[in-house]
């Protein structure tokens, strides 16, 4: 018998049984939300460490029943490009897989109905300061009907490269599956957008699983001995259909690692939506 493998299976089994017991107790005492004790946290971290999963964040203990949300993507098609970018200029157009590609001057635009990509190559970016590059990105967004209000902004400066990212939110919850990003380095300016233009919560709400359960799901998928460092676990929404124009986004626990990988655990079912 492979005792090492058997030991791992036993650890996983006992971990899941403990979580199920914890969830049962929590639901029985719904009016008094169960708060993890020091011993609970110690046991959880021990199970994770035995599987080379290191927790470097606090575990959310407050949660509320959540509904699905209906989302509809913004549309980026030929009419959008012609109206907001080309406006009578000479251009070339061709198809490449699902994309329609436009070439004019030193610029390239790609659209597929639900996403937009722009690239501009120019020597003018070589002599720009970081603040000028940041201003260029903002001006581009504002002048081409690409601005959004329901988003969190992240700015990254690495040497001569400046990147500004917008992440979509709704009622204090993140909605992953949409983004806005502008990047400038010495070679050129790159911009992409895929956004939900319409977001509405449904009326029916369901209980969501605890963050503890979502964390322990990682034990099931981890196959190597390389340490996995968890920097954040957060409740929000995820739309996992990259080419769909509309649909329902599900509540998820998003687990983010130190390396930037994100794992989405369905907050209704406990199943993985995606890991990357």
Protein backbone atom coordinates (compact mmCIF):
# COMPACT_ATOMS: atom_id res chain seq x y z
CA UNK A 1 0.00 0.00 0.00
CA UNK A 2 1.14 3.53 -0.76
CA UNK A 3 1.06 4.89 2.81
CA UNK A 4 1.88 8.44 1.74
CA UNK A 5 -1.11 8.54 -0.60
CA UNK A 6 -3.34 6.88 1.99
CA UNK A 7 -2.32 9.47 4.56
CA UNK A 8 -3.21 12.29 2.18
CA UNK A 9 -6.61 10.75 1.49
CA UNK A 10 -7.27 10.45 5.24
CA UNK A 11 -6.34 14.09 5.81
CA UNK A 12 -8.70 15.24 3.06
CA UNK A 13 -11.51 13.01 4.31
CA UNK A 14 -11.28 14.21 7.91
CA UNK A 15 -10.99 17.82 6.75
CA UNK A 16 -14.16 17.60 4.69
CA UNK A 17 -16.04 15.78 7.47
CA UNK A 18 -15.04 18.51 9.93
CA UNK A 19 -16.21 21.21 7.55
CA UNK A 20 -19.57 19.48 7.02
CA UNK A 21 -20.01 19.25 10.78
CA UNK A 22 -19.11 22.92 11.14
CA UNK A 23 -21.61 23.91 8.45
CA UNK A 24 -24.35 21.86 10.09
CA UNK A 25 -23.79 23.53 13.46
CA UNK A 26 -23.72 26.97 11.86
CA UNK A 27 -27.03 26.41 10.08
CA UNK A 28 -28.70 25.07 13.26
CA UNK A 29 -27.77 28.29 15.03
CA UNK A 30 -28.56 30.69 12.21
CA UNK A 31 -29.63 33.52 14.49
CA UNK A 32 -26.22 33.38 16.18
CA UNK A 33 -23.58 33.26 13.40
CA UNK A 34 -20.77 30.87 14.23
CA UNK A 35 -17.37 32.52 14.60
CA UNK A 36 -14.24 30.42 14.17
CA UNK A 37 -12.32 30.02 17.41
CA UNK A 38 -8.56 30.08 17.73
CA UNK A 39 -8.52 26.28 17.82
CA UNK A 40 -10.68 26.14 14.67
CA UNK A 41 -8.28 28.42 12.83
CA UNK A 42 -5.29 26.45 14.06
CA UNK A 43 -6.81 23.18 12.83
CA UNK A 44 -7.69 24.70 9.47
CA UNK A 45 -4.21 26.12 8.94
CA UNK A 46 -2.70 22.78 9.96
CA UNK A 47 -4.72 20.91 7.32
CA UNK A 48 -3.77 23.48 4.68
CA UNK A 49 -0.09 23.41 5.64
CA UNK A 50 -0.03 19.62 5.40
CA UNK A 51 -0.95 20.17 1.76
CA UNK A 52 1.52 23.04 1.22
CA UNK A 53 -1.20 25.69 1.26
CA UNK A 54 -0.15 28.75 3.26
CA UNK A 55 -2.77 31.24 4.45
CA UNK A 56 -1.59 34.88 4.56
CA UNK A 57 -4.95 36.59 4.95
CA UNK A 58 -7.88 36.67 7.34
CA UNK A 59 -10.83 34.37 6.67
CA UNK A 60 -14.11 36.26 6.04
CA UNK A 61 -16.70 35.21 8.59
CA UNK A 62 -19.54 37.54 7.64
CA UNK A 63 -21.75 36.54 4.75
CA UNK A 64 -25.35 36.96 3.67
CA UNK A 65 -27.74 35.14 1.32
CA UNK A 66 -27.11 36.29 -2.24
CA UNK A 67 -29.13 36.19 -5.47
CA UNK A 68 -27.88 35.52 -8.96
CA UNK A 69 -27.30 38.64 -11.04
CA UNK A 70 -28.28 39.15 -14.66
CA UNK A 71 -25.55 40.71 -16.79
CA UNK A 72 -25.45 41.98 -20.36
CA UNK A 73 -22.16 42.79 -22.04
CA UNK A 74 -21.39 46.01 -23.88
CA UNK A 75 -21.31 45.51 -27.63
CA UNK A 76 -18.18 46.34 -29.65
CA UNK A 77 -18.80 45.93 -33.36
CA UNK A 78 -17.91 47.58 -36.67
CA UNK A 79 -20.33 50.47 -36.12
CA UNK A 80 -18.66 51.27 -32.77
CA UNK A 81 -15.20 51.32 -34.38
CA UNK A 82 -16.21 53.46 -37.36
CA UNK A 83 -18.08 55.98 -35.22
CA UNK A 84 -15.55 56.40 -32.43
CA UNK A 85 -12.17 55.85 -34.09
CA UNK A 86 -12.02 55.91 -37.89
CA UNK A 87 -14.59 58.54 -38.95
CA UNK A 88 -13.84 58.75 -42.67
CA UNK A 89 -10.18 57.75 -42.54
CA UNK A 90 -8.80 55.17 -44.94
CA UNK A 91 -8.57 51.74 -43.36
CA UNK A 92 -8.18 48.05 -44.10
CA UNK A 93 -10.50 45.40 -42.69
CA UNK A 94 -10.30 41.62 -42.54
CA UNK A 95 -11.55 38.66 -40.49
CA UNK A 96 -9.40 36.44 -38.31
CA UNK A 97 -11.31 33.64 -36.54
CA UNK A 98 -14.05 35.41 -34.58
CA UNK A 99 -12.39 38.84 -34.75
CA UNK A 100 -12.94 41.70 -37.16
CA UNK A 101 -9.64 43.57 -37.51
CA UNK A 102 -9.17 47.17 -38.63
CA UNK A 103 -5.83 48.68 -39.70
CA UNK A 104 -5.36 52.44 -40.13
CA UNK A 105 -2.21 54.54 -39.87
CA UNK A 106 -0.07 52.90 -37.15
CA UNK A 107 -3.11 51.59 -35.26
CA UNK A 108 -4.87 48.22 -34.99
CA UNK A 109 -8.34 47.49 -33.59
CA UNK A 110 -9.85 44.05 -33.00
CA UNK A 111 -13.50 43.45 -32.04
CA UNK A 112 -15.58 40.28 -31.69
CA UNK A 113 -18.89 41.73 -30.51
CA UNK A 114 -18.21 41.52 -26.76
CA UNK A 115 -14.58 42.64 -26.50
CA UNK A 116 -12.46 45.50 -27.83
CA UNK A 117 -8.71 45.62 -28.40
CA UNK A 118 -6.60 48.61 -29.57
CA UNK A 119 -2.88 48.92 -30.27
CA UNK A 120 -0.92 52.00 -31.32
CA UNK A 121 2.79 51.85 -32.13
CA UNK A 122 4.68 55.16 -31.95
CA UNK A 123 8.06 56.61 -30.92
CA UNK A 124 6.23 59.34 -28.99
CA UNK A 125 5.85 57.04 -25.99
CA UNK A 126 9.64 56.71 -25.47
CA UNK A 127 10.05 60.20 -24.03
CA UNK A 128 6.86 60.27 -21.93
CA UNK A 129 7.09 60.38 -18.15
CA UNK A 130 4.99 58.03 -16.02
CA UNK A 131 2.50 60.80 -15.28
CA UNK A 132 2.20 61.64 -18.99
CA UNK A 133 1.57 57.99 -19.83
CA UNK A 134 -1.11 57.81 -17.14
CA UNK A 135 -2.74 60.98 -18.49
CA UNK A 136 -2.63 59.56 -22.04
CA UNK A 137 -4.54 56.44 -20.92
CA UNK A 138 -7.20 58.48 -19.13
CA UNK A 139 -7.63 60.84 -22.10
CA UNK A 140 -7.99 57.89 -24.47
CA UNK A 141 -10.73 56.36 -22.31
CA UNK A 142 -12.63 59.63 -21.93
CA UNK A 143 -12.46 60.68 -25.57
CA UNK A 144 -13.58 57.37 -27.12
CA UNK A 145 -16.74 56.55 -25.14
CA UNK A 146 -14.94 53.94 -23.04
CA UNK A 147 -15.36 55.45 -19.57
CA UNK A 148 -17.17 53.55 -16.79
CA UNK A 149 -18.23 54.57 -13.29
CA UNK A 150 -18.80 51.26 -11.48
CA UNK A 151 -15.23 50.09 -11.20
CA UNK A 152 -12.23 49.90 -8.92
CA UNK A 153 -8.97 51.27 -10.29
CA UNK A 154 -5.51 49.75 -9.94
CA UNK A 155 -2.37 51.53 -11.16
CA UNK A 156 0.89 49.67 -11.76
CA UNK A 157 4.22 51.33 -12.62
CA UNK A 158 7.14 49.04 -13.46
CA UNK A 159 10.14 50.92 -14.84
CA UNK A 160 8.98 52.64 -18.02
CA UNK A 161 5.75 50.67 -18.20
CA UNK A 162 2.49 52.14 -16.86
CA UNK A 163 -0.71 50.08 -16.58
CA UNK A 164 -4.15 51.15 -15.37
CA UNK A 165 -6.79 48.49 -14.75
CA UNK A 166 -10.49 48.86 -13.95
CA UNK A 167 -12.37 46.03 -12.22
CA UNK A 168 -16.17 45.99 -12.23
CA UNK A 169 -18.23 46.11 -9.03
CA UNK A 170 -21.91 46.11 -8.09
CA UNK A 171 -23.26 46.93 -4.62
CA UNK A 172 -19.80 46.45 -3.06
CA UNK A 173 -19.31 43.04 -4.70
CA UNK A 174 -16.77 42.40 -7.45
CA UNK A 175 -17.96 41.02 -10.80
CA UNK A 176 -15.17 39.13 -12.51
CA UNK A 177 -15.41 38.38 -16.21
CA UNK A 178 -15.16 42.01 -17.29
CA UNK A 179 -12.23 44.44 -17.33
CA UNK A 180 -10.71 47.62 -18.74
CA UNK A 181 -6.94 47.84 -19.11
CA UNK A 182 -4.59 50.39 -20.64
CA UNK A 183 -0.82 49.83 -20.87
CA UNK A 184 1.99 52.00 -22.23
CA UNK A 185 5.67 51.17 -22.60
CA UNK A 186 8.39 52.51 -24.91
CA UNK A 187 7.07 50.54 -27.88
CA UNK A 188 3.42 51.52 -27.86
CA UNK A 189 0.00 51.79 -26.25
CA UNK A 190 -2.26 48.79 -25.74
CA UNK A 191 -5.87 48.92 -24.57
CA UNK A 192 -8.57 46.29 -24.05
CA UNK A 193 -12.11 46.29 -22.72
CA UNK A 194 -14.79 43.70 -21.98
CA UNK A 195 -17.51 45.11 -19.71
CA UNK A 196 -21.02 44.49 -18.44
CA UNK A 197 -23.18 47.41 -19.54
CA UNK A 198 -26.24 46.16 -17.67
CA UNK A 199 -26.25 44.50 -14.22
CA UNK A 200 -29.36 43.62 -12.19
CA UNK A 201 -29.83 41.41 -9.16
CA UNK A 202 -32.60 38.83 -9.17
CA UNK A 203 -35.04 38.79 -6.26
CA UNK A 204 -34.56 35.24 -4.94
CA UNK A 205 -31.67 34.88 -2.50
CA UNK A 206 -29.91 31.68 -1.42
CA UNK A 207 -27.55 30.85 1.42
CA UNK A 208 -23.88 30.72 0.45
CA UNK A 209 -21.24 28.33 1.73
CA UNK A 210 -18.63 29.45 4.23
CA UNK A 211 -15.19 30.67 3.20
CA UNK A 212 -13.68 27.78 5.17
CA UNK A 213 -15.29 25.25 2.86
CA UNK A 214 -14.04 27.13 -0.21
CA UNK A 215 -10.48 27.14 1.14
CA UNK A 216 -10.48 23.42 1.82
CA UNK A 217 -11.64 22.75 -1.74
CA UNK A 218 -8.10 23.71 -2.77
CA UNK A 219 -6.86 20.52 -1.12
CA UNK A 220 -8.78 18.51 -3.71
CA UNK A 221 -7.06 20.09 -6.72
CA UNK A 222 -3.51 20.61 -5.48
CA UNK A 223 -1.33 17.95 -7.09
CA UNK A 224 2.24 19.21 -6.60
CA UNK A 225 4.45 19.94 -3.61
CA UNK A 226 5.08 23.56 -4.53
CA UNK A 227 3.78 25.92 -1.81
CA UNK A 228 0.55 27.78 -2.63
CA UNK A 229 0.36 31.09 -0.76
CA UNK A 230 -3.16 32.52 -0.35
CA UNK A 231 -3.24 36.34 -0.25
CA UNK A 232 -7.01 36.94 -0.41
CA UNK A 233 -10.39 35.24 -0.20
CA UNK A 234 -13.37 37.37 -1.10
CA UNK A 235 -17.07 36.97 -1.89
CA UNK A 236 -18.41 38.34 -5.17
CA UNK A 237 -19.67 37.32 -8.62
CA UNK A 238 -18.21 35.57 -11.65
CA UNK A 239 -19.43 35.26 -15.24
CA UNK A 240 -17.64 32.33 -16.84
CA UNK A 241 -18.85 32.69 -20.45
CA UNK A 242 -16.31 34.74 -22.36
CA UNK A 243 -18.22 34.88 -25.68
CA UNK A 244 -21.79 35.19 -24.35
CA UNK A 245 -23.55 38.55 -24.65
CA UNK A 246 -25.74 37.98 -21.59
CA UNK A 247 -26.52 35.51 -18.83
CA UNK A 248 -26.38 34.98 -15.08
CA UNK A 249 -23.32 35.57 -12.93
CA UNK A 250 -23.08 33.31 -9.88
CA UNK A 251 -21.89 34.16 -6.36
CA UNK A 252 -18.36 32.85 -5.81
CA UNK A 253 -15.58 32.80 -3.30
CA UNK A 254 -12.54 34.13 -5.18
CA UNK A 255 -9.25 32.82 -3.81
CA UNK A 256 -6.17 34.73 -4.99
CA UNK A 257 -2.61 33.42 -4.62
CA UNK A 258 0.63 35.30 -4.16
CA UNK A 259 1.49 34.59 -7.81
CA UNK A 260 -1.77 36.17 -8.99
CA UNK A 261 -3.65 32.95 -9.78
CA UNK A 262 -7.39 33.07 -9.07
CA UNK A 263 -9.66 30.20 -8.12
CA UNK A 264 -13.44 30.58 -8.16
CA UNK A 265 -15.55 28.37 -5.89
CA UNK A 266 -19.30 28.50 -6.56
CA UNK A 267 -20.79 29.89 -3.33
CA UNK A 268 -24.00 27.87 -3.82
CA UNK A 269 -22.64 24.45 -4.75
CA UNK A 270 -19.03 24.46 -3.58
CA UNK A 271 -17.83 23.41 -7.04
CA UNK A 272 -15.00 25.10 -8.90
CA UNK A 273 -16.07 27.52 -11.62
CA UNK A 274 -12.51 27.95 -12.86
CA UNK A 275 -8.93 27.89 -11.65
CA UNK A 276 -6.16 29.75 -13.42
